[in-house]
PDB file of all heavy atoms in Angstrom:
ATOM      1  N   PRO A   1     -12.375 -16.248  -5.119  1.00  0.00           N
ATOM      2  CA  PRO A   1     -12.462 -15.694  -6.520  1.00  0.00           C
ATOM      3  C   PRO A   1     -12.611 -14.129  -6.567  1.00  0.00           C
ATOM      4  O   PRO A   1     -12.112 -13.558  -7.508  1.00  0.00           O
ATOM      5  CB  PRO A   1     -13.833 -16.255  -6.984  1.00  0.00           C
ATOM      6  CG  PRO A   1     -13.889 -17.627  -6.245  1.00  0.00           C
ATOM      7  CD  PRO A   1     -13.344 -17.302  -4.884  1.00  0.00           C
ATOM      8  N   ASP A   2     -13.142 -13.484  -5.491  1.00  0.00           N
ATOM      9  CA  ASP A   2     -13.268 -12.079  -5.532  1.00  0.00           C
ATOM     10  C   ASP A   2     -11.939 -11.422  -5.172  1.00  0.00           C
ATOM     11  O   ASP A   2     -11.832 -10.228  -5.110  1.00  0.00           O
ATOM     12  CB  ASP A   2     -14.360 -11.575  -4.634  1.00  0.00           C
ATOM     13  CG  ASP A   2     -14.147 -11.862  -3.158  1.00  0.00           C
ATOM     14  OD1 ASP A   2     -13.119 -12.548  -2.805  1.00  0.00           O
ATOM     15  OD2 ASP A   2     -14.971 -11.455  -2.321  1.00  0.00           O
ATOM     16  N   GLY A   3     -10.885 -12.215  -4.931  1.00  0.00           N
ATOM     17  CA  GLY A   3      -9.514 -11.684  -4.666  1.00  0.00           C
ATOM     18  C   GLY A   3      -8.751 -11.404  -5.987  1.00  0.00           C
ATOM     19  O   GLY A   3      -7.595 -10.956  -5.923  1.00  0.00           O
ATOM     20  N   ALA A   4      -9.393 -11.715  -7.112  1.00  0.00           N
ATOM     21  CA  ALA A   4      -8.769 -11.413  -8.360  1.00  0.00           C
ATOM     22  C   ALA A   4      -8.656  -9.929  -8.565  1.00  0.00           C
ATOM     23  O   ALA A   4      -9.636  -9.215  -8.601  1.00  0.00           O
ATOM     24  CB  ALA A   4      -9.535 -11.996  -9.542  1.00  0.00           C
ATOM     25  N   ALA A   5      -7.409  -9.445  -8.706  1.00  0.00           N
ATOM     26  CA  ALA A   5      -7.152  -8.023  -8.733  1.00  0.00           C
ATOM     27  C   ALA A   5      -5.698  -7.715  -8.998  1.00  0.00           C
ATOM     28  O   ALA A   5      -4.904  -8.611  -9.187  1.00  0.00           O
ATOM     29  CB  ALA A   5      -7.539  -7.341  -7.349  1.00  0.00           C
ATOM     30  N   ARG A   6      -5.370  -6.433  -9.102  1.00  0.00           N
ATOM     31  CA  ARG A   6      -4.003  -6.025  -9.269  1.00  0.00           C
ATOM     32  C   ARG A   6      -3.546  -5.616  -7.824  1.00  0.00           C
ATOM     33  O   ARG A   6      -4.249  -4.788  -7.218  1.00  0.00           O
ATOM     34  CB  ARG A   6      -3.842  -4.844 -10.202  1.00  0.00           C
ATOM     35  CG  ARG A   6      -2.382  -4.543 -10.556  1.00  0.00           C
ATOM     36  CD  ARG A   6      -2.315  -3.668 -11.761  1.00  0.00           C
ATOM     37  NE  ARG A   6      -0.910  -3.520 -12.163  1.00  0.00           N
ATOM     38  CZ  ARG A   6      -0.329  -4.381 -13.060  1.00  0.00           C
ATOM     39  NH1 ARG A   6      -0.993  -5.411 -13.585  1.00  0.00           N
ATOM     40  NH2 ARG A   6       0.967  -4.240 -13.386  1.00  0.00           N
ATOM     41  N   TYR A   7      -2.511  -6.181  -7.343  1.00  0.00           N
ATOM     42  CA  TYR A   7      -2.067  -5.952  -5.961  1.00  0.00           C
ATOM     43  C   TYR A   7      -0.839  -5.052  -5.981  1.00  0.00           C
ATOM     44  O   TYR A   7       0.146  -5.155  -6.720  1.00  0.00           O
ATOM     45  CB  TYR A   7      -1.641  -7.297  -5.349  1.00  0.00           C
ATOM     46  CG  TYR A   7      -2.833  -8.173  -4.966  1.00  0.00           C
ATOM     47  CD1 TYR A   7      -3.607  -8.755  -5.993  1.00  0.00           C
ATOM     48  CD2 TYR A   7      -3.146  -8.381  -3.698  1.00  0.00           C
ATOM     49  CE1 TYR A   7      -4.700  -9.488  -5.650  1.00  0.00           C
ATOM     50  CE2 TYR A   7      -4.221  -9.147  -3.282  1.00  0.00           C
ATOM     51  CZ  TYR A   7      -5.043  -9.760  -4.295  1.00  0.00           C
ATOM     52  OH  TYR A   7      -6.122 -10.501  -3.937  1.00  0.00           O
ATOM     53  N   TYR A   8      -0.911  -4.069  -5.042  1.00  0.00           N
ATOM     54  CA  TYR A   8       0.104  -3.001  -4.940  1.00  0.00           C
ATOM     55  C   TYR A   8       0.722  -2.988  -3.596  1.00  0.00           C
ATOM     56  O   TYR A   8       0.022  -3.176  -2.562  1.00  0.00           O
ATOM     57  CB  TYR A   8      -0.513  -1.650  -5.247  1.00  0.00           C
ATOM     58  CG  TYR A   8      -1.075  -1.489  -6.620  1.00  0.00           C
ATOM     59  CD1 TYR A   8      -2.443  -1.795  -6.867  1.00  0.00           C
ATOM     60  CD2 TYR A   8      -0.390  -0.881  -7.604  1.00  0.00           C
ATOM     61  CE1 TYR A   8      -2.997  -1.626  -8.138  1.00  0.00           C
ATOM     62  CE2 TYR A   8      -0.910  -0.753  -8.897  1.00  0.00           C
ATOM     63  CZ  TYR A   8      -2.158  -1.082  -9.093  1.00  0.00           C
ATOM     64  OH  TYR A   8      -2.733  -0.863 -10.318  1.00  0.00           O
ATOM     65  N   CYS A   9       2.013  -2.764  -3.565  1.00  0.00           N
ATOM     66  CA  CYS A   9       2.620  -2.337  -2.190  1.00  0.00           C
ATOM     67  C   CYS A   9       2.830  -0.852  -2.204  1.00  0.00           C
ATOM     68  O   CYS A   9       3.019  -0.231  -3.280  1.00  0.00           O
ATOM     69  CB  CYS A   9       3.848  -3.144  -1.873  1.00  0.00           C
ATOM     70  SG  CYS A   9       5.265  -2.696  -2.950  1.00  0.00           S
ATOM     71  N   ALA A  10       2.850  -0.275  -1.059  1.00  0.00           N
ATOM     72  CA  ALA A  10       3.026   1.187  -0.911  1.00  0.00           C
ATOM     73  C   ALA A  10       3.823   1.436   0.392  1.00  0.00           C
ATOM     74  O   ALA A  10       3.837   0.613   1.343  1.00  0.00           O
ATOM     75  CB  ALA A  10       1.658   1.766  -0.756  1.00  0.00           C
ATOM     76  N   GLY A  11       4.469   2.595   0.392  1.00  0.00           N
ATOM     77  CA  GLY A  11       5.332   2.998   1.462  1.00  0.00           C
ATOM     78  C   GLY A  11       5.103   4.425   1.817  1.00  0.00           C
ATOM     79  O   GLY A  11       4.742   5.303   1.016  1.00  0.00           O
ATOM     80  N   THR A  12       5.279   4.734   3.154  1.00  0.00           N
ATOM     81  CA  THR A  12       5.241   6.045   3.603  1.00  0.00           C
ATOM     82  C   THR A  12       6.266   6.232   4.732  1.00  0.00           C
ATOM     83  O   THR A  12       6.481   5.320   5.546  1.00  0.00           O
ATOM     84  CB  THR A  12       3.789   6.405   4.103  1.00  0.00           C
ATOM     85  OG1 THR A  12       3.765   7.777   4.471  1.00  0.00           O
ATOM     86  CG2 THR A  12       3.383   5.628   5.313  1.00  0.00           C
ATOM     87  N   GLY A  13       6.953   7.416   4.788  1.00  0.00           N
ATOM     88  CA  GLY A  13       7.877   7.656   5.728  1.00  0.00           C
ATOM     89  C   GLY A  13       7.267   7.498   7.159  1.00  0.00           C
ATOM     90  O   GLY A  13       6.264   8.073   7.412  1.00  0.00           O
ATOM     91  N   ALA A  14       8.031   6.792   7.978  1.00  0.00           N
ATOM     92  CA  ALA A  14       7.494   6.452   9.311  1.00  0.00           C
ATOM     93  C   ALA A  14       7.925   7.556  10.325  1.00  0.00           C
ATOM     94  O   ALA A  14       9.033   7.645  10.816  1.00  0.00           O
ATOM     95  CB  ALA A  14       8.093   5.112   9.808  1.00  0.00           C
ATOM     96  N   SER A  15       6.921   8.445  10.587  1.00  0.00           N
ATOM     97  CA  SER A  15       7.144   9.547  11.542  1.00  0.00           C
ATOM     98  C   SER A  15       7.177   8.971  12.946  1.00  0.00           C
ATOM     99  O   SER A  15       7.662   9.683  13.811  1.00  0.00           O
ATOM    100  CB  SER A  15       6.092  10.573  11.327  1.00  0.00           C
ATOM    101  OG  SER A  15       4.761  10.019  11.488  1.00  0.00           O
ATOM    102  N   LYS A  16       6.577   7.840  13.166  1.00  0.00           N
ATOM    103  CA  LYS A  16       6.616   7.204  14.426  1.00  0.00           C
ATOM    104  C   LYS A  16       6.573   5.742  14.300  1.00  0.00           C
ATOM    105  O   LYS A  16       6.131   5.185  13.324  1.00  0.00           O
ATOM    106  CB  LYS A  16       5.418   7.661  15.342  1.00  0.00           C
ATOM    107  CG  LYS A  16       4.039   7.484  14.664  1.00  0.00           C
ATOM    108  CD  LYS A  16       2.989   8.066  15.560  1.00  0.00           C
ATOM    109  CE  LYS A  16       1.630   7.949  14.853  1.00  0.00           C
ATOM    110  NZ  LYS A  16       0.512   8.513  15.764  1.00  0.00           N
ATOM    111  N   LYS A  17       7.187   5.001  15.264  1.00  0.00           N
ATOM    112  CA  LYS A  17       7.476   3.569  15.059  1.00  0.00           C
ATOM    113  C   LYS A  17       6.203   2.749  14.958  1.00  0.00           C
ATOM    114  O   LYS A  17       6.267   1.612  14.429  1.00  0.00           O
ATOM    115  CB  LYS A  17       8.295   2.994  16.231  1.00  0.00           C
ATOM    116  CG  LYS A  17       7.615   3.010  17.580  1.00  0.00           C
ATOM    117  CD  LYS A  17       8.522   2.427  18.679  1.00  0.00           C
ATOM    118  CE  LYS A  17       7.832   2.366  19.982  1.00  0.00           C
ATOM    119  NZ  LYS A  17       8.736   1.709  21.016  1.00  0.00           N
ATOM    120  N   ASN A  18       5.041   3.180  15.460  1.00  0.00           N
ATOM    121  CA  ASN A  18       3.811   2.375  15.392  1.00  0.00           C
ATOM    122  C   ASN A  18       2.944   2.811  14.371  1.00  0.00           C
ATOM    123  O   ASN A  18       1.783   2.553  14.315  1.00  0.00           O
ATOM    124  CB  ASN A  18       3.136   2.321  16.789  1.00  0.00           C
ATOM    125  CG  ASN A  18       2.658   3.843  17.220  1.00  0.00           C
ATOM    126  OD1 ASN A  18       3.200   4.723  16.687  1.00  0.00           O
ATOM    127  ND2 ASN A  18       1.825   3.883  18.198  1.00  0.00           N
ATOM    128  N   LEU A  19       3.451   3.572  13.372  1.00  0.00           N
ATOM    129  CA  LEU A  19       2.570   4.062  12.207  1.00  0.00           C
ATOM    130  C   LEU A  19       2.186   2.920  11.379  1.00  0.00           C
ATOM    131  O   LEU A  19       2.959   2.219  10.839  1.00  0.00           O
ATOM    132  CB  LEU A  19       3.373   5.113  11.473  1.00  0.00           C
ATOM    133  CG  LEU A  19       2.573   5.742  10.294  1.00  0.00           C
ATOM    134  CD1 LEU A  19       1.516   6.676  10.753  1.00  0.00           C
ATOM    135  CD2 LEU A  19       3.587   6.483   9.373  1.00  0.00           C
ATOM    136  N   ILE A  20       0.863   2.725  11.264  1.00  0.00           N
ATOM    137  CA  ILE A  20       0.287   1.649  10.389  1.00  0.00           C
ATOM    138  C   ILE A  20      -0.963   2.183   9.656  1.00  0.00           C
ATOM    139  O   ILE A  20      -2.078   1.865   9.981  1.00  0.00           O
ATOM    140  CB  ILE A  20      -0.007   0.399  11.203  1.00  0.00           C
ATOM    141  CG1 ILE A  20      -0.704   0.712  12.497  1.00  0.00           C
ATOM    142  CG2 ILE A  20       1.234  -0.489  11.404  1.00  0.00           C
ATOM    143  CD1 ILE A  20      -1.284  -0.550  13.281  1.00  0.00           C
ATOM    144  N   PRO A  21      -0.762   3.076   8.734  1.00  0.00           N
ATOM    145  CA  PRO A  21      -1.883   3.643   8.032  1.00  0.00           C
ATOM    146  C   PRO A  21      -2.667   2.734   7.111  1.00  0.00           C
ATOM    147  O   PRO A  21      -1.967   1.895   6.465  1.00  0.00           O
ATOM    148  CB  PRO A  21      -1.273   4.767   7.262  1.00  0.00           C
ATOM    149  CG  PRO A  21       0.115   4.388   7.018  1.00  0.00           C
ATOM    150  CD  PRO A  21       0.519   3.605   8.241  1.00  0.00           C
ATOM    151  N   LYS A  22      -3.954   2.790   7.107  1.00  0.00           N
ATOM    152  CA  LYS A  22      -4.755   1.994   6.163  1.00  0.00           C
ATOM    153  C   LYS A  22      -5.433   2.776   4.996  1.00  0.00           C
ATOM    154  O   LYS A  22      -6.060   2.177   4.155  1.00  0.00           O
ATOM    155  CB  LYS A  22      -5.721   1.141   6.880  1.00  0.00           C
ATOM    156  CG  LYS A  22      -6.806   1.896   7.616  1.00  0.00           C
ATOM    157  CD  LYS A  22      -7.783   0.959   8.262  1.00  0.00           C
ATOM    158  CE  LYS A  22      -9.019   1.633   8.810  1.00  0.00           C
ATOM    159  NZ  LYS A  22     -10.006   0.676   9.400  1.00  0.00           N
ATOM    160  N   ARG A  23      -5.199   4.112   5.077  1.00  0.00           N
ATOM    161  CA  ARG A  23      -5.736   4.923   3.989  1.00  0.00           C
ATOM    162  C   ARG A  23      -4.780   5.085   2.853  1.00  0.00           C
ATOM    163  O   ARG A  23      -3.626   5.378   3.076  1.00  0.00           O
ATOM    164  CB  ARG A  23      -6.154   6.318   4.538  1.00  0.00           C
ATOM    165  CG  ARG A  23      -7.104   6.264   5.656  1.00  0.00           C
ATOM    166  CD  ARG A  23      -8.449   5.651   5.331  1.00  0.00           C
ATOM    167  NE  ARG A  23      -9.376   5.725   6.410  1.00  0.00           N
ATOM    168  CZ  ARG A  23     -10.575   5.202   6.442  1.00  0.00           C
ATOM    169  NH1 ARG A  23     -11.022   4.540   5.353  1.00  0.00           N
ATOM    170  NH2 ARG A  23     -11.374   5.304   7.516  1.00  0.00           N
ATOM    171  N   ASP A  24      -5.227   4.911   1.617  1.00  0.00           N
ATOM    172  CA  ASP A  24      -4.242   4.971   0.517  1.00  0.00           C
ATOM    173  C   ASP A  24      -3.594   6.276   0.329  1.00  0.00           C
ATOM    174  O   ASP A  24      -2.438   6.415  -0.040  1.00  0.00           O
ATOM    175  CB  ASP A  24      -4.849   4.420  -0.775  1.00  0.00           C
ATOM    176  CG  ASP A  24      -6.081   5.252  -1.185  1.00  0.00           C
ATOM    177  OD1 ASP A  24      -6.432   6.187  -0.514  1.00  0.00           O
ATOM    178  OD2 ASP A  24      -6.645   4.926  -2.237  1.00  0.00           O
ATOM    179  N   TYR A  25      -4.328   7.338   0.727  1.00  0.00           N
ATOM    180  CA  TYR A  25      -3.725   8.687   0.588  1.00  0.00           C
ATOM    181  C   TYR A  25      -2.574   8.966   1.641  1.00  0.00           C
ATOM    182  O   TYR A  25      -1.906   9.954   1.415  1.00  0.00           O
ATOM    183  CB  TYR A  25      -4.805   9.785   0.705  1.00  0.00           C
ATOM    184  CG  TYR A  25      -5.701   9.762   1.968  1.00  0.00           C
ATOM    185  CD1 TYR A  25      -5.097  10.138   3.228  1.00  0.00           C
ATOM    186  CD2 TYR A  25      -6.997   9.343   1.965  1.00  0.00           C
ATOM    187  CE1 TYR A  25      -5.892  10.119   4.358  1.00  0.00           C
ATOM    188  CE2 TYR A  25      -7.770   9.326   3.075  1.00  0.00           C
ATOM    189  CZ  TYR A  25      -7.241   9.739   4.325  1.00  0.00           C
ATOM    190  OH  TYR A  25      -8.010   9.702   5.420  1.00  0.00           O
ATOM    191  N   ALA A  26      -2.462   8.063   2.561  1.00  0.00           N
ATOM    192  CA  ALA A  26      -1.314   8.203   3.508  1.00  0.00           C
ATOM    193  C   ALA A  26      -0.002   7.753   2.953  1.00  0.00           C
ATOM    194  O   ALA A  26       1.096   8.135   3.586  1.00  0.00           O
ATOM    195  CB  ALA A  26      -1.652   7.497   4.832  1.00  0.00           C
ATOM    196  N   TYR A  27      -0.019   7.120   1.783  1.00  0.00           N
ATOM    197  CA  TYR A  27       1.175   6.542   1.220  1.00  0.00           C
ATOM    198  C   TYR A  27       1.650   7.443   0.097  1.00  0.00           C
ATOM    199  O   TYR A  27       0.902   7.752  -0.768  1.00  0.00           O
ATOM    200  CB  TYR A  27       0.914   5.162   0.760  1.00  0.00           C
ATOM    201  CG  TYR A  27       0.708   4.116   1.894  1.00  0.00           C
ATOM    202  CD1 TYR A  27      -0.612   3.981   2.448  1.00  0.00           C
ATOM    203  CD2 TYR A  27       1.738   3.426   2.467  1.00  0.00           C
ATOM    204  CE1 TYR A  27      -0.843   3.069   3.493  1.00  0.00           C
ATOM    205  CE2 TYR A  27       1.501   2.583   3.550  1.00  0.00           C
ATOM    206  CZ  TYR A  27       0.250   2.369   3.988  1.00  0.00           C
ATOM    207  OH  TYR A  27       0.032   1.506   5.092  1.00  0.00           O
ATOM    208  N   GLU A  28       2.957   7.672   0.068  1.00  0.00           N
ATOM    209  CA  GLU A  28       3.509   8.561  -1.057  1.00  0.00           C
ATOM    210  C   GLU A  28       4.215   7.703  -2.080  1.00  0.00           C
ATOM    211  O   GLU A  28       4.489   8.282  -3.187  1.00  0.00           O
ATOM    212  CB  GLU A  28       4.355   9.609  -0.510  1.00  0.00           C
ATOM    213  CG  GLU A  28       5.720   9.153   0.088  1.00  0.00           C
ATOM    214  CD  GLU A  28       5.651   9.066   1.623  1.00  0.00           C
ATOM    215  OE1 GLU A  28       4.553   9.026   2.145  1.00  0.00           O
ATOM    216  OE2 GLU A  28       6.770   8.929   2.221  1.00  0.00           O
ATOM    217  N   SER A  29       4.607   6.525  -1.871  1.00  0.00           N
ATOM    218  CA  SER A  29       5.326   5.689  -2.848  1.00  0.00           C
ATOM    219  C   SER A  29       4.466   4.451  -3.148  1.00  0.00           C
ATOM    220  O   SER A  29       3.979   3.775  -2.187  1.00  0.00           O
ATOM    221  CB  SER A  29       6.685   5.309  -2.290  1.00  0.00           C
ATOM    222  OG  SER A  29       7.459   6.462  -2.058  1.00  0.00           O
ATOM    223  N   TRP A  30       4.491   4.119  -4.461  1.00  0.00           N
ATOM    224  CA  TRP A  30       3.652   2.949  -4.875  1.00  0.00           C
ATOM    225  C   TRP A  30       4.490   2.139  -5.866  1.00  0.00           C
ATOM    226  O   TRP A  30       5.208   2.677  -6.713  1.00  0.00           O
ATOM    227  CB  TRP A  30       2.387   3.442  -5.540  1.00  0.00           C
ATOM    228  CG  TRP A  30       1.445   3.983  -4.541  1.00  0.00           C
ATOM    229  CD1 TRP A  30       1.362   5.295  -4.101  1.00  0.00           C
ATOM    230  CD2 TRP A  30       0.307   3.328  -3.839  1.00  0.00           C
ATOM    231  NE1 TRP A  30       0.403   5.465  -3.133  1.00  0.00           N
ATOM    232  CE2 TRP A  30      -0.325   4.212  -3.010  1.00  0.00           C
ATOM    233  CE3 TRP A  30      -0.178   2.000  -3.924  1.00  0.00           C
ATOM    234  CZ2 TRP A  30      -1.409   3.963  -2.245  1.00  0.00           C
ATOM    235  CZ3 TRP A  30      -1.329   1.670  -3.170  1.00  0.00           C
ATOM    236  CH2 TRP A  30      -1.923   2.575  -2.329  1.00  0.00           C
ATOM    237  N   GLY A  31       4.306   0.776  -5.836  1.00  0.00           N
ATOM    238  CA  GLY A  31       4.810  -0.039  -6.902  1.00  0.00           C
ATOM    239  C   GLY A  31       3.890  -0.077  -8.055  1.00  0.00           C
ATOM    240  O   GLY A  31       2.845   0.529  -8.138  1.00  0.00           O
ATOM    241  N   GLN A  32       4.359  -0.783  -9.099  1.00  0.00           N
ATOM    242  CA  GLN A  32       3.585  -0.754 -10.393  1.00  0.00           C
ATOM    243  C   GLN A  32       2.423  -1.758 -10.342  1.00  0.00           C
ATOM    244  O   GLN A  32       1.556  -1.764 -11.214  1.00  0.00           O
ATOM    245  CB  GLN A  32       4.535  -1.149 -11.572  1.00  0.00           C
ATOM    246  CG  GLN A  32       4.816  -2.685 -11.770  1.00  0.00           C
ATOM    247  CD  GLN A  32       5.709  -3.237 -10.598  1.00  0.00           C
ATOM    248  OE1 GLN A  32       6.286  -2.515  -9.776  1.00  0.00           O
ATOM    249  NE2 GLN A  32       5.870  -4.607 -10.668  1.00  0.00           N
ATOM    250  N   GLY A  33       2.405  -2.617  -9.262  1.00  0.00           N
ATOM    251  CA  GLY A  33       1.268  -3.546  -9.220  1.00  0.00           C
ATOM    252  C   GLY A  33       1.654  -4.884  -9.818  1.00  0.00           C
ATOM    253  O   GLY A  33       2.466  -4.969 -10.718  1.00  0.00           O
ATOM    254  N   ASN A  34       0.940  -5.903  -9.310  1.00  0.00           N
ATOM    255  CA  ASN A  34       1.149  -7.347  -9.817  1.00  0.00           C
ATOM    256  C   ASN A  34      -0.256  -7.933  -9.977  1.00  0.00           C
ATOM    257  O   ASN A  34      -1.004  -7.919  -8.970  1.00  0.00           O
ATOM    258  CB  ASN A  34       2.080  -8.054  -8.852  1.00  0.00           C
ATOM    259  CG  ASN A  34       3.063  -8.877  -9.499  1.00  0.00           C
ATOM    260  OD1 ASN A  34       3.221 -10.043  -9.242  1.00  0.00           O
ATOM    261  ND2 ASN A  34       3.808  -8.324 -10.387  1.00  0.00           N
ATOM    262  N   GLN A  35      -0.483  -8.450 -11.164  1.00  0.00           N
ATOM    263  CA  GLN A  35      -1.848  -9.054 -11.420  1.00  0.00           C
ATOM    264  C   GLN A  35      -1.934 -10.431 -10.747  1.00  0.00           C
ATOM    265  O   GLN A  35      -1.016 -11.292 -10.924  1.00  0.00           O
ATOM    266  CB  GLN A  35      -2.038  -9.178 -12.937  1.00  0.00           C
ATOM    267  CG  GLN A  35      -3.538  -9.195 -13.344  1.00  0.00           C
ATOM    268  CD  GLN A  35      -4.286  -7.942 -13.064  1.00  0.00           C
ATOM    269  OE1 GLN A  35      -3.714  -6.820 -13.145  1.00  0.00           O
ATOM    270  NE2 GLN A  35      -5.522  -8.102 -12.760  1.00  0.00           N
ATOM    271  N   VAL A  36      -3.091 -10.680 -10.145  1.00  0.00           N
ATOM    272  CA  VAL A  36      -3.332 -11.960  -9.524  1.00  0.00           C
ATOM    273  C   VAL A  36      -4.768 -12.417 -10.029  1.00  0.00           C
ATOM    274  O   VAL A  36      -5.758 -11.960  -9.435  1.00  0.00           O
ATOM    275  CB  VAL A  36      -3.317 -11.879  -8.036  1.00  0.00           C
ATOM    276  CG1 VAL A  36      -3.645 -13.235  -7.435  1.00  0.00           C
ATOM    277  CG2 VAL A  36      -1.962 -11.482  -7.517  1.00  0.00           C
TER     278      VAL A  36
END
């Protein structure tokens, strides 16, 4: 039940192949979100 939220995907240019950022400020592109 606490998963109810607006879900977003985000993208950031991969400067290296193992880049896997978890901070939102690391991402420069965002979708509009989808309500769940």
